[in-house]
Amino acid sequence: MKTDTAIAAFAALAQETRLGVVRLLVQAGPAGLSAGDIATRLAVPASTLSHHLAQLERAGLLRSWRLQRQIFYACDYDGLRSLLTFLMQDCCQGRPELCPP
């Protein structure tokens, strides 16, 4: 992962609602949740949530798909994994397997 991509991802996560969305969708798993379910569970107006979801998707942290009239969102696990790998790549002098969990 390039540094500018990591910065964009961290910037997207550096907001309470967006961080809450990612944490909720990590728990939901690959099936994800509809935008309406996310809004309800986080008590965020749909119009506000739409902006946050778009920013997370642009940052490569979410993926979306349409099913009839609903849009579903799930974590982009490859994007999250890349971000975590970026953070940990130099851990323990380049030997992350030595780092405790």
C-alpha atoms as a PDB file:
ATOM      1  CA  MET A   1       0.000   0.000   0.000  1.00  0.00           C
ATOM      2  CA  LYS A   2       1.267   3.447  -0.885  1.00  0.00           C
ATOM      3  CA  THR A   3       1.567   6.079   1.811  1.00  0.00           C
ATOM      4  CA  ASP A   4      -1.021   8.390   0.208  1.00  0.00           C
ATOM      5  CA  THR A   5      -3.534   5.530   0.071  1.00  0.00           C
ATOM      6  CA  ALA A   6      -2.931   4.764   3.756  1.00  0.00           C
ATOM      7  CA  ILE A   7      -3.346   8.442   4.642  1.00  0.00           C
ATOM      8  CA  ALA A   8      -6.695   8.540   2.823  1.00  0.00           C
ATOM      9  CA  ALA A   9      -7.854   5.425   4.668  1.00  0.00           C
ATOM     10  CA  PHE A  10      -6.782   6.792   8.045  1.00  0.00           C
ATOM     11  CA  ALA A  11      -8.450  10.113   7.261  1.00  0.00           C
ATOM     12  CA  ALA A  12     -11.665   8.262   6.465  1.00  0.00           C
ATOM     13  CA  LEU A  13     -11.472   6.412   9.783  1.00  0.00           C
ATOM     14  CA  ALA A  14     -10.676   9.567  11.757  1.00  0.00           C
ATOM     15  CA  GLN A  15     -14.326  10.411  12.338  1.00  0.00           C
ATOM     16  CA  GLU A  16     -16.657   8.886  14.912  1.00  0.00           C
ATOM     17  CA  THR A  17     -19.506   7.859  12.591  1.00  0.00           C
ATOM     18  CA  ARG A  18     -17.221   6.372   9.949  1.00  0.00           C
ATOM     19  CA  LEU A  19     -15.240   4.446  12.537  1.00  0.00           C
ATOM     20  CA  GLY A  20     -18.547   3.170  13.954  1.00  0.00           C
ATOM     21  CA  VAL A  21     -19.648   2.053  10.486  1.00  0.00           C
ATOM     22  CA  VAL A  22     -16.456   0.064   9.933  1.00  0.00           C
ATOM     23  CA  ARG A  23     -16.665  -1.562  13.357  1.00  0.00           C
ATOM     24  CA  LEU A  24     -20.332  -2.454  12.794  1.00  0.00           C
ATOM     25  CA  LEU A  25     -19.616  -3.943   9.377  1.00  0.00           C
ATOM     26  CA  VAL A  26     -16.649  -5.936  10.657  1.00  0.00           C
ATOM     27  CA  GLN A  27     -19.079  -7.547  13.105  1.00  0.00           C
ATOM     28  CA  ALA A  28     -21.689  -8.091  10.379  1.00  0.00           C
ATOM     29  CA  GLY A  29     -19.276 -10.123   8.271  1.00  0.00           C
ATOM     30  CA  PRO A  30     -19.157 -10.556   4.489  1.00  0.00           C
ATOM     31  CA  ALA A  31     -22.962 -10.431   4.093  1.00  0.00           C
ATOM     32  CA  GLY A  32     -22.874  -6.809   5.258  1.00  0.00           C
ATOM     33  CA  LEU A  33     -25.899  -4.676   6.063  1.00  0.00           C
ATOM     34  CA  SER A  34     -28.236  -2.462   4.113  1.00  0.00           C
ATOM     35  CA  ALA A  35     -27.681   1.276   4.314  1.00  0.00           C
ATOM     36  CA  GLY A  36     -30.989   1.552   6.183  1.00  0.00           C
ATOM     37  CA  ASP A  37     -29.909  -1.015   8.777  1.00  0.00           C
ATOM     38  CA  ILE A  38     -26.620   0.801   9.298  1.00  0.00           C
ATOM     39  CA  ALA A  39     -28.428   4.112   9.748  1.00  0.00           C
ATOM     40  CA  THR A  40     -30.846   2.597  12.253  1.00  0.00           C
ATOM     41  CA  ARG A  41     -28.198   0.788  14.280  1.00  0.00           C
ATOM     42  CA  LEU A  42     -25.959   3.851  14.493  1.00  0.00           C
ATOM     43  CA  ALA A  43     -28.841   6.333  14.879  1.00  0.00           C
ATOM     44  CA  VAL A  44     -27.543   8.438  11.990  1.00  0.00           C
ATOM     45  CA  PRO A  45     -29.813  10.162   9.445  1.00  0.00           C
ATOM     46  CA  ALA A  46     -29.701   8.411   6.061  1.00  0.00           C
ATOM     47  CA  SER A  47     -28.620  11.579   4.245  1.00  0.00           C
ATOM     48  CA  THR A  48     -25.656  12.027   6.591  1.00  0.00           C
ATOM     49  CA  LEU A  49     -24.738   8.362   6.457  1.00  0.00           C
ATOM     50  CA  SER A  50     -24.626   8.382   2.661  1.00  0.00           C
ATOM     51  CA  HIS A  51     -21.716  10.832   2.712  1.00  0.00           C
ATOM     52  CA  HIS A  52     -19.806   8.737   5.257  1.00  0.00           C
ATOM     53  CA  LEU A  53     -20.351   5.483   3.364  1.00  0.00           C
ATOM     54  CA  ALA A  54     -19.135   7.062   0.134  1.00  0.00           C
ATOM     55  CA  GLN A  55     -15.973   8.324   1.798  1.00  0.00           C
ATOM     56  CA  LEU A  56     -15.211   4.905   3.293  1.00  0.00           C
ATOM     57  CA  GLU A  57     -15.800   3.236  -0.059  1.00  0.00           C
ATOM     58  CA  ARG A  58     -13.506   5.714  -1.860  1.00  0.00           C
ATOM     59  CA  ALA A  59     -10.837   4.946   0.755  1.00  0.00           C
ATOM     60  CA  GLY A  60     -11.052   1.235  -0.121  1.00  0.00           C
ATOM     61  CA  LEU A  61     -12.468   0.173   3.245  1.00  0.00           C
ATOM     62  CA  LEU A  62     -16.012  -0.757   2.149  1.00  0.00           C
ATOM     63  CA  ARG A  63     -17.661  -2.345  -0.850  1.00  0.00           C
ATOM     64  CA  SER A  64     -21.256  -1.908  -1.906  1.00  0.00           C
ATOM     65  CA  TRP A  65     -23.799  -3.629  -4.103  1.00  0.00           C
ATOM     66  CA  ARG A  66     -27.403  -3.078  -5.038  1.00  0.00           C
ATOM     67  CA  LEU A  67     -30.095  -5.669  -4.419  1.00  0.00           C
ATOM     68  CA  GLN A  68     -33.339  -4.465  -5.950  1.00  0.00           C
ATOM     69  CA  ARG A  69     -33.970  -1.086  -4.289  1.00  0.00           C
ATOM     70  CA  GLN A  70     -31.508  -1.443  -1.413  1.00  0.00           C
ATOM     71  CA  ILE A  71     -27.798  -0.792  -1.270  1.00  0.00           C
ATOM     72  CA  PHE A  72     -25.766  -3.105   0.926  1.00  0.00           C
ATOM     73  CA  TYR A  73     -22.351  -2.404   2.391  1.00  0.00           C
ATOM     74  CA  ALA A  74     -19.684  -4.705   3.777  1.00  0.00           C
ATOM     75  CA  CYS A  75     -16.088  -4.271   4.799  1.00  0.00           C
ATOM     76  CA  ASP A  76     -13.552  -4.615   2.063  1.00  0.00           C
ATOM     77  CA  TYR A  77     -11.395  -7.050   3.994  1.00  0.00           C
ATOM     78  CA  ASP A  78      -8.572  -6.821   1.468  1.00  0.00           C
ATOM     79  CA  GLY A  79      -8.493  -3.047   1.950  1.00  0.00           C
ATOM     80  CA  LEU A  80      -8.516  -3.345   5.743  1.00  0.00           C
ATOM     81  CA  ARG A  81      -5.861  -6.052   5.632  1.00  0.00           C
ATOM     82  CA  SER A  82      -3.663  -3.873   3.416  1.00  0.00           C
ATOM     83  CA  LEU A  83      -4.011  -0.978   5.837  1.00  0.00           C
ATOM     84  CA  LEU A  84      -3.065  -3.144   8.805  1.00  0.00           C
ATOM     85  CA  THR A  85      -0.168  -4.651   6.890  1.00  0.00           C
ATOM     86  CA  PHE A  86       1.030  -1.132   6.054  1.00  0.00           C
ATOM     87  CA  LEU A  87       1.078  -0.349   9.782  1.00  0.00           C
ATOM     88  CA  MET A  88       2.809  -3.540  10.791  1.00  0.00           C
ATOM     89  CA  GLN A  89       5.273  -4.055   7.930  1.00  0.00           C
ATOM     90  CA  ASP A  90       8.223  -2.692   9.902  1.00  0.00           C
ATOM     91  CA  CYS A  91       7.164  -4.162  13.232  1.00  0.00           C
ATOM     92  CA  CYS A  92       9.899  -5.799  15.277  1.00  0.00           C
ATOM     93  CA  GLN A  93      12.654  -4.750  12.857  1.00  0.00           C
ATOM     94  CA  GLY A  94      10.836  -6.163   9.856  1.00  0.00           C
ATOM     95  CA  ARG A  95       9.864  -9.439  11.557  1.00  0.00           C
ATOM     96  CA  PRO A  96       6.165  -8.994  12.486  1.00  0.00           C
ATOM     97  CA  GLU A  97       5.899 -12.682  13.417  1.00  0.00           C
ATOM     98  CA  LEU A  98       7.883 -11.772  16.546  1.00  0.00           C
ATOM     99  CA  CYS A  99       5.324  -9.208  17.704  1.00  0.00           C
ATOM    100  CA  PRO A 100       2.944 -10.419  20.405  1.00  0.00           C
ATOM    101  CA  PRO A 101      -0.782 -10.432  19.569  1.00  0.00           C
END
